[in-house]
Amino acid sequence: MTRLGASEAIMTVSDGCYAYVSVDGSPQLYRVRIEEQEPRSAVGSGDAFLAGYVAARYTGRPPLDCLRFGVACGAESTQHFGAGVIEPDKVEKLLGDVSVQRLEMPAQIG
């Protein structure tokens, strides 16, 4: 995907995301995760992740902090019925539970 012009790529999964982002000027692959929450409803949790990620980017946070904030927003949103519903205080509490792991880049093909 990044070969086609995108400088970042993010794939959300049930307990966080995988992200290819530039940190300190070089692109890296990361696994950002939180322990899965017992969901009331997962509807809109990906949207909540994206909204949190973009909001953090607008405030100038570093890329990994943006990913952590997005994951916390997505996880918190699973505790509510209704898409995009989050409680900001609970998002802040979840941030401490979000882990970031740098992954080795897969072998290049071709």
PDB file of N, CA and C in Angstrom:
ATOM      1  N   MET A   1       0.811  -1.179   0.000  1.00  0.00           N
ATOM      2  CA  MET A   1       0.000   0.000   0.000  1.00  0.00           C
ATOM      3  C   MET A   1       0.863   1.254   0.000  1.00  0.00           C
ATOM      4  N   THR A   2       1.913   1.277   0.788  1.00  0.00           N
ATOM      5  CA  THR A   2       2.726   2.488   0.839  1.00  0.00           C
ATOM      6  C   THR A   2       3.490   2.707  -0.458  1.00  0.00           C
ATOM      7  N   ARG A   3       3.665   1.687  -1.252  1.00  0.00           N
ATOM      8  CA  ARG A   3       4.326   1.852  -2.550  1.00  0.00           C
ATOM      9  C   ARG A   3       3.478   2.672  -3.512  1.00  0.00           C
ATOM     10  N   LEU A   4       2.182   2.743  -3.254  1.00  0.00           N
ATOM     11  CA  LEU A   4       1.274   3.486  -4.118  1.00  0.00           C
ATOM     12  C   LEU A   4       1.156   4.949  -3.712  1.00  0.00           C
ATOM     13  N   GLY A   5       1.897   5.379  -2.706  1.00  0.00           N
ATOM     14  CA  GLY A   5       1.897   6.779  -2.340  1.00  0.00           C
ATOM     15  C   GLY A   5       1.493   7.089  -0.911  1.00  0.00           C
ATOM     16  N   ALA A   6       0.808   6.183  -0.234  1.00  0.00           N
ATOM     17  CA  ALA A   6       0.443   6.443   1.159  1.00  0.00           C
ATOM     18  C   ALA A   6       1.694   6.378   2.021  1.00  0.00           C
ATOM     19  N   SER A   7       1.847   7.312   2.940  1.00  0.00           N
ATOM     20  CA  SER A   7       3.028   7.299   3.797  1.00  0.00           C
ATOM     21  C   SER A   7       2.790   6.527   5.089  1.00  0.00           C
ATOM     22  N   GLU A   8       1.538   6.240   5.396  1.00  0.00           N
ATOM     23  CA  GLU A   8       1.186   5.461   6.566  1.00  0.00           C
ATOM     24  C   GLU A   8       0.102   4.455   6.199  1.00  0.00           C
ATOM     25  N   ALA A   9       0.095   3.340   6.904  1.00  0.00           N
ATOM     26  CA  ALA A   9      -0.948   2.339   6.715  1.00  0.00           C
ATOM     27  C   ALA A   9      -1.294   1.773   8.089  1.00  0.00           C
ATOM     28  N   ILE A  10      -2.599   1.684   8.385  1.00  0.00           N
ATOM     29  CA  ILE A  10      -3.057   1.191   9.677  1.00  0.00           C
ATOM     30  C   ILE A  10      -4.167   0.177   9.447  1.00  0.00           C
ATOM     31  N   MET A  11      -4.070  -0.952  10.142  1.00  0.00           N
ATOM     32  CA  MET A  11      -5.099  -1.976  10.074  1.00  0.00           C
ATOM     33  C   MET A  11      -5.563  -2.248  11.503  1.00  0.00           C
ATOM     34  N   THR A  12      -6.843  -2.013  11.771  1.00  0.00           N
ATOM     35  CA  THR A  12      -7.360  -2.287  13.106  1.00  0.00           C
ATOM     36  C   THR A  12      -7.745  -3.755  13.224  1.00  0.00           C
ATOM     37  N   VAL A  13      -7.576  -4.283  14.425  1.00  0.00           N
ATOM     38  CA  VAL A  13      -7.978  -5.648  14.768  1.00  0.00           C
ATOM     39  C   VAL A  13      -8.708  -5.576  16.107  1.00  0.00           C
ATOM     40  N   SER A  14      -9.252  -6.687  16.566  1.00  0.00           N
ATOM     41  CA  SER A  14     -10.130  -6.666  17.739  1.00  0.00           C
ATOM     42  C   SER A  14      -9.462  -6.145  19.014  1.00  0.00           C
ATOM     43  N   ASP A  15      -8.145  -6.251  19.124  1.00  0.00           N
ATOM     44  CA  ASP A  15      -7.480  -5.794  20.346  1.00  0.00           C
ATOM     45  C   ASP A  15      -6.468  -4.681  20.089  1.00  0.00           C
ATOM     46  N   GLY A  16      -6.624  -3.954  18.985  1.00  0.00           N
ATOM     47  CA  GLY A  16      -5.700  -2.857  18.712  1.00  0.00           C
ATOM     48  C   GLY A  16      -5.510  -2.628  17.229  1.00  0.00           C
ATOM     49  N   CYS A  17      -4.235  -2.491  16.835  1.00  0.00           N
ATOM     50  CA  CYS A  17      -3.961  -2.255  15.417  1.00  0.00           C
ATOM     51  C   CYS A  17      -2.527  -2.630  15.079  1.00  0.00           C
ATOM     52  N   TYR A  18      -2.296  -2.777  13.789  1.00  0.00           N
ATOM     53  CA  TYR A  18      -0.961  -2.854  13.217  1.00  0.00           C
ATOM     54  C   TYR A  18      -0.790  -1.560  12.439  1.00  0.00           C
ATOM     55  N   ALA A  19       0.384  -0.961  12.526  1.00  0.00           N
ATOM     56  CA  ALA A  19       0.580   0.322  11.863  1.00  0.00           C
ATOM     57  C   ALA A  19       1.980   0.405  11.259  1.00  0.00           C
ATOM     58  N   TYR A  20       2.022   0.937  10.065  1.00  0.00           N
ATOM     59  CA  TYR A  20       3.274   1.242   9.376  1.00  0.00           C
ATOM     60  C   TYR A  20       3.339   2.759   9.341  1.00  0.00           C
ATOM     61  N   VAL A  21       4.161   3.333  10.229  1.00  0.00           N
ATOM     62  CA  VAL A  21       4.242   4.785  10.346  1.00  0.00           C
ATOM     63  C   VAL A  21       5.698   5.221  10.431  1.00  0.00           C
ATOM     64  N   SER A  22       5.921   6.483  10.135  1.00  0.00           N
ATOM     65  CA  SER A  22       7.263   7.045  10.204  1.00  0.00           C
ATOM     66  C   SER A  22       7.515   7.596  11.599  1.00  0.00           C
ATOM     67  N   VAL A  23       8.546   7.088  12.247  1.00  0.00           N
ATOM     68  CA  VAL A  23       8.969   7.566  13.556  1.00  0.00           C
ATOM     69  C   VAL A  23      10.436   7.951  13.435  1.00  0.00           C
ATOM     70  N   ASP A  24      10.756   9.166  13.809  1.00  0.00           N
ATOM     71  CA  ASP A  24      12.123   9.684  13.689  1.00  0.00           C
ATOM     72  C   ASP A  24      12.630   9.620  12.254  1.00  0.00           C
ATOM     73  N   GLY A  25      11.735   9.839  11.309  1.00  0.00           N
ATOM     74  CA  GLY A  25      12.129   9.925   9.907  1.00  0.00           C
ATOM     75  C   GLY A  25      12.231   8.621   9.151  1.00  0.00           C
ATOM     76  N   SER A  26      12.044   7.486   9.817  1.00  0.00           N
ATOM     77  CA  SER A  26      12.101   6.220   9.083  1.00  0.00           C
ATOM     78  C   SER A  26      10.839   5.406   9.361  1.00  0.00           C
ATOM     79  N   PRO A  27      10.274   4.816   8.308  1.00  0.00           N
ATOM     80  CA  PRO A  27       9.051   4.025   8.490  1.00  0.00           C
ATOM     81  C   PRO A  27       9.330   2.734   9.256  1.00  0.00           C
ATOM     82  N   GLN A  28       8.430   2.420  10.168  1.00  0.00           N
ATOM     83  CA  GLN A  28       8.548   1.220  10.997  1.00  0.00           C
ATOM     84  C   GLN A  28       7.181   0.557  11.107  1.00  0.00           C
ATOM     85  N   LEU A  29       7.204  -0.731  11.420  1.00  0.00           N
ATOM     86  CA  LEU A  29       5.982  -1.492  11.630  1.00  0.00           C
ATOM     87  C   LEU A  29       5.777  -1.682  13.130  1.00  0.00           C
ATOM     88  N   TYR A  30       4.555  -1.408  13.609  1.00  0.00           N
ATOM     89  CA  TYR A  30       4.239  -1.510  15.027  1.00  0.00           C
ATOM     90  C   TYR A  30       2.972  -2.309  15.249  1.00  0.00           C
ATOM     91  N   ARG A  31       2.918  -2.929  16.423  1.00  0.00           N
ATOM     92  CA  ARG A  31       1.709  -3.606  16.918  1.00  0.00           C
ATOM     93  C   ARG A  31       1.298  -2.834  18.158  1.00  0.00           C
ATOM     94  N   VAL A  32       0.137  -2.236  18.129  1.00  0.00           N
ATOM     95  CA  VAL A  32      -0.379  -1.453  19.252  1.00  0.00           C
ATOM     96  C   VAL A  32      -1.606  -2.192  19.768  1.00  0.00           C
ATOM     97  N   ARG A  33      -1.589  -2.526  21.065  1.00  0.00           N
ATOM     98  CA  ARG A  33      -2.696  -3.342  21.543  1.00  0.00           C
ATOM     99  C   ARG A  33      -3.085  -3.020  22.973  1.00  0.00           C
ATOM    100  N   ILE A  34      -4.270  -3.466  23.289  1.00  0.00           N
ATOM    101  CA  ILE A  34      -4.821  -3.368  24.632  1.00  0.00           C
ATOM    102  C   ILE A  34      -5.525  -4.693  24.889  1.00  0.00           C
ATOM    103  N   GLU A  35      -5.574  -5.094  26.143  1.00  0.00           N
ATOM    104  CA  GLU A  35      -6.310  -6.316  26.469  1.00  0.00           C
ATOM    105  C   GLU A  35      -7.754  -6.130  26.017  1.00  0.00           C
ATOM    106  N   GLU A  36      -8.275  -7.150  25.346  1.00  0.00           N
ATOM    107  CA  GLU A  36      -9.645  -7.038  24.835  1.00  0.00           C
ATOM    108  C   GLU A  36     -10.608  -6.760  25.976  1.00  0.00           C
ATOM    109  N   GLN A  37     -11.507  -5.834  25.723  1.00  0.00           N
ATOM    110  CA  GLN A  37     -12.546  -5.470  26.675  1.00  0.00           C
ATOM    111  C   GLN A  37     -13.731  -6.408  26.468  1.00  0.00           C
ATOM    112  N   GLU A  38     -14.494  -6.647  27.515  1.00  0.00           N
ATOM    113  CA  GLU A  38     -15.750  -7.386  27.365  1.00  0.00           C
ATOM    114  C   GLU A  38     -16.727  -6.394  26.735  1.00  0.00           C
ATOM    115  N   PRO A  39     -17.005  -6.544  25.440  1.00  0.00           N
ATOM    116  CA  PRO A  39     -17.773  -5.496  24.765  1.00  0.00           C
ATOM    117  C   PRO A  39     -19.267  -5.552  25.040  1.00  0.00           C
ATOM    118  N   ARG A  40     -19.845  -4.374  25.153  1.00  0.00           N
ATOM    119  CA  ARG A  40     -21.303  -4.259  25.135  1.00  0.00           C
ATOM    120  C   ARG A  40     -21.735  -4.210  23.676  1.00  0.00           C
ATOM    121  N   SER A  41     -20.942  -3.504  22.864  1.00  0.00           N
ATOM    122  CA  SER A  41     -21.203  -3.414  21.429  1.00  0.00           C
ATOM    123  C   SER A  41     -19.928  -2.916  20.749  1.00  0.00           C
ATOM    124  N   ALA A  42     -19.522  -3.604  19.691  1.00  0.00           N
ATOM    125  CA  ALA A  42     -18.332  -3.187  18.952  1.00  0.00           C
ATOM    126  C   ALA A  42     -18.681  -2.267  17.781  1.00  0.00           C
ATOM    127  N   VAL A  43     -19.960  -1.977  17.591  1.00  0.00           N
ATOM    128  CA  VAL A  43     -20.384  -1.126  16.483  1.00  0.00           C
ATOM    129  C   VAL A  43     -19.763   0.258  16.648  1.00  0.00           C
ATOM    130  N   GLY A  44     -19.032   0.684  15.644  1.00  0.00           N
ATOM    131  CA  GLY A  44     -18.430   2.010  15.655  1.00  0.00           C
ATOM    132  C   GLY A  44     -17.074   2.096  16.324  1.00  0.00           C
ATOM    133  N   SER A  45     -16.541   0.974  16.830  1.00  0.00           N
ATOM    134  CA  SER A  45     -15.262   1.055  17.530  1.00  0.00           C
ATOM    135  C   SER A  45     -14.108   1.413  16.580  1.00  0.00           C
ATOM    136  N   GLY A  46     -14.183   0.944  15.340  1.00  0.00           N
ATOM    137  CA  GLY A  46     -13.162   1.340  14.356  1.00  0.00           C
ATOM    138  C   GLY A  46     -13.244   2.818  14.030  1.00  0.00           C
ATOM    139  N   ASP A  47     -14.462   3.334  13.964  1.00  0.00           N
ATOM    140  CA  ASP A  47     -14.650   4.768  13.740  1.00  0.00           C
ATOM    141  C   ASP A  47     -14.121   5.572  14.921  1.00  0.00           C
ATOM    142  N   ALA A  48     -14.352   5.079  16.144  1.00  0.00           N
ATOM    143  CA  ALA A  48     -13.847   5.763  17.337  1.00  0.00           C
ATOM    144  C   ALA A  48     -12.319   5.747  17.342  1.00  0.00           C
ATOM    145  N   PHE A  49     -11.716   4.608  16.913  1.00  0.00           N
ATOM    146  CA  PHE A  49     -10.262   4.555  16.788  1.00  0.00           C
ATOM    147  C   PHE A  49      -9.777   5.648  15.838  1.00  0.00           C
ATOM    148  N   LEU A  50     -10.372   5.705  14.654  1.00  0.00           N
ATOM    149  CA  LEU A  50      -9.938   6.672  13.647  1.00  0.00           C
ATOM    150  C   LEU A  50     -10.128   8.106  14.137  1.00  0.00           C
ATOM    151  N   ALA A  51     -11.256   8.394  14.759  1.00  0.00           N
ATOM    152  CA  ALA A  51     -11.491   9.739  15.275  1.00  0.00           C
ATOM    153  C   ALA A  51     -10.454  10.110  16.331  1.00  0.00           C
ATOM    154  N   GLY A  52     -10.140   9.176  17.223  1.00  0.00           N
ATOM    155  CA  GLY A  52      -9.130   9.437  18.245  1.00  0.00           C
ATOM    156  C   GLY A  52      -7.757   9.642  17.646  1.00  0.00           C
ATOM    157  N   TYR A  53      -7.420   8.817  16.669  1.00  0.00           N
ATOM    158  CA  TYR A  53      -6.116   8.933  15.998  1.00  0.00           C
ATOM    159  C   TYR A  53      -5.988  10.288  15.308  1.00  0.00           C
ATOM    160  N   VAL A  54      -7.001  10.667  14.545  1.00  0.00           N
ATOM    161  CA  VAL A  54      -6.958  11.935  13.810  1.00  0.00           C
ATOM    162  C   VAL A  54      -6.953  13.121  14.775  1.00  0.00           C
ATOM    163  N   ALA A  55      -7.761  13.056  15.835  1.00  0.00           N
ATOM    164  CA  ALA A  55      -7.786  14.141  16.816  1.00  0.00           C
ATOM    165  C   ALA A  55      -6.408  14.325  17.454  1.00  0.00           C
ATOM    166  N   ALA A  56      -5.751  13.226  17.776  1.00  0.00           N
ATOM    167  CA  ALA A  56      -4.407  13.307  18.365  1.00  0.00           C
ATOM    168  C   ALA A  56      -3.405  13.881  17.364  1.00  0.00           C
ATOM    169  N   ARG A  57      -3.543  13.522  16.093  1.00  0.00           N
ATOM    170  CA  ARG A  57      -2.653  14.078  15.058  1.00  0.00           C
ATOM    171  C   ARG A  57      -2.827  15.585  14.955  1.00  0.00           C
ATOM    172  N   TYR A  58      -4.081  16.044  15.013  1.00  0.00           N
ATOM    173  CA  TYR A  58      -4.353  17.480  14.933  1.00  0.00           C
ATOM    174  C   TYR A  58      -3.715  18.255  16.075  1.00  0.00           C
ATOM    175  N   THR A  59      -3.570  17.622  17.234  1.00  0.00           N
ATOM    176  CA  THR A  59      -2.967  18.309  18.378  1.00  0.00           C
ATOM    177  C   THR A  59      -1.447  18.223  18.362  1.00  0.00           C
ATOM    178  N   GLY A  60      -0.892  17.554  17.344  1.00  0.00           N
ATOM    179  CA  GLY A  60       0.562  17.502  17.195  1.00  0.00           C
ATOM    180  C   GLY A  60       1.265  16.429  18.000  1.00  0.00           C
ATOM    181  N   ARG A  61       0.532  15.457  18.491  1.00  0.00           N
ATOM    182  CA  ARG A  61       1.169  14.368  19.243  1.00  0.00           C
ATOM    183  C   ARG A  61       2.049  13.535  18.313  1.00  0.00           C
ATOM    184  N   PRO A  62       3.074  12.893  18.854  1.00  0.00           N
ATOM    185  CA  PRO A  62       3.905  11.987  18.045  1.00  0.00           C
ATOM    186  C   PRO A  62       3.074  10.802  17.542  1.00  0.00           C
ATOM    187  N   PRO A  63       3.468  10.211  16.411  1.00  0.00           N
ATOM    188  CA  PRO A  63       2.688   9.122  15.803  1.00  0.00           C
ATOM    189  C   PRO A  63       2.336   7.979  16.750  1.00  0.00           C
ATOM    190  N   LEU A  64       3.265   7.527  17.572  1.00  0.00           N
ATOM    191  CA  LEU A  64       2.954   6.400  18.455  1.00  0.00           C
ATOM    192  C   LEU A  64       1.947   6.791  19.530  1.00  0.00           C
ATOM    193  N   ASP A  65       2.005   8.020  20.012  1.00  0.00           N
ATOM    194  CA  ASP A  65       0.999   8.492  20.966  1.00  0.00           C
ATOM    195  C   ASP A  65      -0.374   8.567  20.304  1.00  0.00           C
ATOM    196  N   CYS A  66      -0.403   8.957  19.031  1.00  0.00           N
ATOM    197  CA  CYS A  66      -1.673   9.012  18.292  1.00  0.00           C
ATOM    198  C   CYS A  66      -2.283   7.627  18.172  1.00  0.00           C
ATOM    199  N   LEU A  67      -1.448   6.631  17.879  1.00  0.00           N
ATOM    200  CA  LEU A  67      -1.931   5.255  17.772  1.00  0.00           C
ATOM    201  C   LEU A  67      -2.455   4.759  19.117  1.00  0.00           C
ATOM    202  N   ARG A  68      -1.717   5.043  20.188  1.00  0.00           N
ATOM    203  CA  ARG A  68      -2.151   4.630  21.526  1.00  0.00           C
ATOM    204  C   ARG A  68      -3.496   5.269  21.874  1.00  0.00           C
ATOM    205  N   PHE A  69      -3.648   6.559  21.571  1.00  0.00           N
ATOM    206  CA  PHE A  69      -4.895   7.255  21.867  1.00  0.00           C
ATOM    207  C   PHE A  69      -6.045   6.677  21.047  1.00  0.00           C
ATOM    208  N   GLY A  70      -5.794   6.393  19.782  1.00  0.00           N
ATOM    209  CA  GLY A  70      -6.816   5.798  18.932  1.00  0.00           C
ATOM    210  C   GLY A  70      -7.274   4.451  19.450  1.00  0.00           C
ATOM    211  N   VAL A  71      -6.327   3.613  19.858  1.00  0.00           N
ATOM    212  CA  VAL A  71      -6.675   2.291  20.395  1.00  0.00           C
ATOM    213  C   VAL A  71      -7.484   2.435  21.680  1.00  0.00           C
ATOM    214  N   ALA A  72      -7.100   3.364  22.546  1.00  0.00           N
ATOM    215  CA  ALA A  72      -7.860   3.581  23.783  1.00  0.00           C
ATOM    216  C   ALA A  72      -9.277   4.057  23.470  1.00  0.00           C
ATOM    217  N   CYS A  73      -9.426   4.931  22.486  1.00  0.00           N
ATOM    218  CA  CYS A  73     -10.773   5.403  22.096  1.00  0.00           C
ATOM    219  C   CYS A  73     -11.614   4.251  21.554  1.00  0.00           C
ATOM    220  N   GLY A  74     -11.029   3.438  20.693  1.00  0.00           N
ATOM    221  CA  GLY A  74     -11.759   2.301  20.134  1.00  0.00           C
ATOM    222  C   GLY A  74     -12.174   1.310  21.202  1.00  0.00           C
ATOM    223  N   ALA A  75     -11.269   1.027  22.143  1.00  0.00           N
ATOM    224  CA  ALA A  75     -11.575   0.080  23.215  1.00  0.00           C
ATOM    225  C   ALA A  75     -12.673   0.627  24.129  1.00  0.00           C
ATOM    226  N   GLU A  76     -12.573   1.905  24.480  1.00  0.00           N
ATOM    227  CA  GLU A  76     -13.575   2.500  25.376  1.00  0.00           C
ATOM    228  C   GLU A  76     -14.945   2.520  24.711  1.00  0.00           C
ATOM    229  N   SER A  77     -14.981   2.717  23.422  1.00  0.00           N
ATOM    230  CA  SER A  77     -16.269   2.793  22.724  1.00  0.00           C
ATOM    231  C   SER A  77     -17.026   1.465  22.753  1.00  0.00           C
ATOM    232  N   THR A  78     -16.319   0.349  22.953  1.00  0.00           N
ATOM    233  CA  THR A  78     -17.000  -0.948  22.996  1.00  0.00           C
ATOM    234  C   THR A  78     -17.826  -1.124  24.269  1.00  0.00           C
ATOM    235  N   GLN A  79     -17.686  -0.203  25.207  1.00  0.00           N
ATOM    236  CA  GLN A  79     -18.404  -0.305  26.477  1.00  0.00           C
ATOM    237  C   GLN A  79     -19.770   0.364  26.434  1.00  0.00           C
ATOM    238  N   HIS A  80     -20.162   0.878  25.250  1.00  0.00           N
ATOM    239  CA  HIS A  80     -21.410   1.621  25.115  1.00  0.00           C
ATOM    240  C   HIS A  80     -22.218   1.105  23.936  1.00  0.00           C
ATOM    241  N   PHE A  81     -23.519   1.225  24.042  1.00  0.00           N
ATOM    242  CA  PHE A  81     -24.380   1.003  22.892  1.00  0.00           C
ATOM    243  C   PHE A  81     -24.425   2.314  22.113  1.00  0.00           C
ATOM    244  N   GLY A  82     -24.359   2.235  20.824  1.00  0.00           N
ATOM    245  CA  GLY A  82     -24.377   3.435  20.001  1.00  0.00           C
ATOM    246  C   GLY A  82     -23.002   3.712  19.435  1.00  0.00           C
ATOM    247  N   ALA A  83     -22.956   3.957  18.160  1.00  0.00           N
ATOM    248  CA  ALA A  83     -21.678   4.177  17.479  1.00  0.00           C
ATOM    249  C   ALA A  83     -21.044   5.493  17.906  1.00  0.00           C
ATOM    250  N   GLY A  84     -19.732   5.438  18.175  1.00  0.00           N
ATOM    251  CA  GLY A  84     -18.970   6.647  18.446  1.00  0.00           C
ATOM    252  C   GLY A  84     -19.142   7.240  19.827  1.00  0.00           C
ATOM    253  N   VAL A  85     -19.740   6.511  20.750  1.00  0.00           N
ATOM    254  CA  VAL A  85     -19.934   7.019  22.105  1.00  0.00           C
ATOM    255  C   VAL A  85     -18.702   6.662  22.932  1.00  0.00           C
ATOM    256  N   ILE A  86     -18.067   7.670  23.523  1.00  0.00           N
ATOM    257  CA  ILE A  86     -16.935   7.423  24.428  1.00  0.00           C
ATOM    258  C   ILE A  86     -17.007   8.385  25.603  1.00  0.00           C
ATOM    259  N   GLU A  87     -16.369   8.000  26.692  1.00  0.00           N
ATOM    260  CA  GLU A  87     -16.218   8.873  27.852  1.00  0.00           C
ATOM    261  C   GLU A  87     -14.743   9.246  27.940  1.00  0.00           C
ATOM    262  N   PRO A  88     -14.389  10.516  27.700  1.00  0.00           N
ATOM    263  CA  PRO A  88     -12.990  10.937  27.659  1.00  0.00           C
ATOM    264  C   PRO A  88     -12.180  10.558  28.902  1.00  0.00           C
ATOM    265  N   ASP A  89     -12.762  10.650  30.097  1.00  0.00           N
ATOM    266  CA  ASP A  89     -12.027  10.282  31.311  1.00  0.00           C
ATOM    267  C   ASP A  89     -11.627   8.811  31.296  1.00  0.00           C
ATOM    268  N   LYS A  90     -12.505   7.968  30.785  1.00  0.00           N
ATOM    269  CA  LYS A  90     -12.198   6.539  30.720  1.00  0.00           C
ATOM    270  C   LYS A  90     -11.164   6.242  29.645  1.00  0.00           C
ATOM    271  N   VAL A  91     -11.172   7.006  28.556  1.00  0.00           N
ATOM    272  CA  VAL A  91     -10.126   6.860  27.527  1.00  0.00           C
ATOM    273  C   VAL A  91      -8.768   7.135  28.154  1.00  0.00           C
ATOM    274  N   GLU A  92      -8.670   8.220  28.923  1.00  0.00           N
ATOM    275  CA  GLU A  92      -7.395   8.579  29.567  1.00  0.00           C
ATOM    276  C   GLU A  92      -6.920   7.466  30.499  1.00  0.00           C
ATOM    277  N   LYS A  93      -7.839   6.829  31.214  1.00  0.00           N
ATOM    278  CA  LYS A  93      -7.469   5.726  32.107  1.00  0.00           C
ATOM    279  C   LYS A  93      -6.965   4.522  31.320  1.00  0.00           C
ATOM    280  N   LEU A  94      -7.562   4.261  30.161  1.00  0.00           N
ATOM    281  CA  LEU A  94      -7.152   3.112  29.345  1.00  0.00           C
ATOM    282  C   LEU A  94      -5.783   3.307  28.700  1.00  0.00           C
ATOM    283  N   LEU A  95      -5.345   4.549  28.525  1.00  0.00           N
ATOM    284  CA  LEU A  95      -4.062   4.800  27.858  1.00  0.00           C
ATOM    285  C   LEU A  95      -2.906   4.041  28.514  1.00  0.00           C
ATOM    286  N   GLY A  96      -2.941   3.901  29.826  1.00  0.00           N
ATOM    287  CA  GLY A  96      -1.888   3.172  30.532  1.00  0.00           C
ATOM    288  C   GLY A  96      -1.860   1.686  30.222  1.00  0.00           C
ATOM    289  N   ASP A  97      -2.951   1.168  29.679  1.00  0.00           N
ATOM    290  CA  ASP A  97      -3.041  -0.254  29.353  1.00  0.00           C
ATOM    291  C   ASP A  97      -2.676  -0.559  27.900  1.00  0.00           C
ATOM    292  N   VAL A  98      -2.401   0.472  27.122  1.00  0.00           N
ATOM    293  CA  VAL A  98      -2.083   0.286  25.703  1.00  0.00           C
ATOM    294  C   VAL A  98      -0.583   0.073  25.558  1.00  0.00           C
ATOM    295  N   SER A  99      -0.199  -1.016  24.895  1.00  0.00           N
ATOM    296  CA  SER A  99       1.220  -1.309  24.673  1.00  0.00           C
ATOM    297  C   SER A  99       1.587  -1.114  23.206  1.00  0.00           C
ATOM    298  N   VAL A 100       2.831  -0.732  22.984  1.00  0.00           N
ATOM    299  CA  VAL A 100       3.356  -0.534  21.632  1.00  0.00           C
ATOM    300  C   VAL A 100       4.576  -1.429  21.474  1.00  0.00           C
ATOM    301  N   GLN A 101       4.570  -2.232  20.418  1.00  0.00           N
ATOM    302  CA  GLN A 101       5.686  -3.134  20.143  1.00  0.00           C
ATOM    303  C   GLN A 101       6.159  -2.898  18.717  1.00  0.00           C
ATOM    304  N   ARG A 102       7.435  -2.633  18.569  1.00  0.00           N
ATOM    305  CA  ARG A 102       8.003  -2.499  17.228  1.00  0.00           C
ATOM    306  C   ARG A 102       8.236  -3.901  16.671  1.00  0.00           C
ATOM    307  N   LEU A 103       7.799  -4.115  15.440  1.00  0.00           N
ATOM    308  CA  LEU A 103       7.938  -5.415  14.789  1.00  0.00           C
ATOM    309  C   LEU A 103       9.016  -5.354  13.714  1.00  0.00           C
ATOM    310  N   GLU A 104       9.578  -6.490  13.432  1.00  0.00           N
ATOM    311  CA  GLU A 104      10.538  -6.576  12.330  1.00  0.00           C
ATOM    312  C   GLU A 104       9.781  -6.446  11.021  1.00  0.00           C
ATOM    313  N   MET A 105      10.364  -5.753  10.087  1.00  0.00           N
ATOM    314  CA  MET A 105       9.754  -5.607   8.772  1.00  0.00           C
ATOM    315  C   MET A 105       9.808  -6.943   8.043  1.00  0.00           C
ATOM    316  N   PRO A 106       8.722  -7.321   7.364  1.00  0.00           N
ATOM    317  CA  PRO A 106       8.748  -8.565   6.597  1.00  0.00           C
ATOM    318  C   PRO A 106       9.709  -8.430   5.422  1.00  0.00           C
ATOM    319  N   ALA A 107      10.132  -9.537   4.899  1.00  0.00           N
ATOM    320  CA  ALA A 107      11.034  -9.547   3.746  1.00  0.00           C
ATOM    321  C   ALA A 107      10.356  -8.885   2.549  1.00  0.00           C
ATOM    322  N   GLN A 108      11.105  -8.128   1.815  1.00  0.00           N
ATOM    323  CA  GLN A 108      10.588  -7.490   0.610  1.00  0.00           C
ATOM    324  C   GLN A 108      10.483  -8.518  -0.512  1.00  0.00           C
ATOM    325  N   ILE A 109       9.406  -8.476  -1.252  1.00  0.00           N
ATOM    326  CA  ILE A 109       9.226  -9.382  -2.374  1.00  0.00           C
ATOM    327  C   ILE A 109       9.459  -8.609  -3.662  1.00  0.00           C
ATOM    328  N   GLY A 110      10.238  -9.202  -4.536  1.00  0.00           N
ATOM    329  CA  GLY A 110      10.467  -8.628  -5.860  1.00  0.00           C
ATOM    330  C   GLY A 110      11.264  -7.432  -5.810  1.00  0.00           C
TER     331      GLY A 110
END
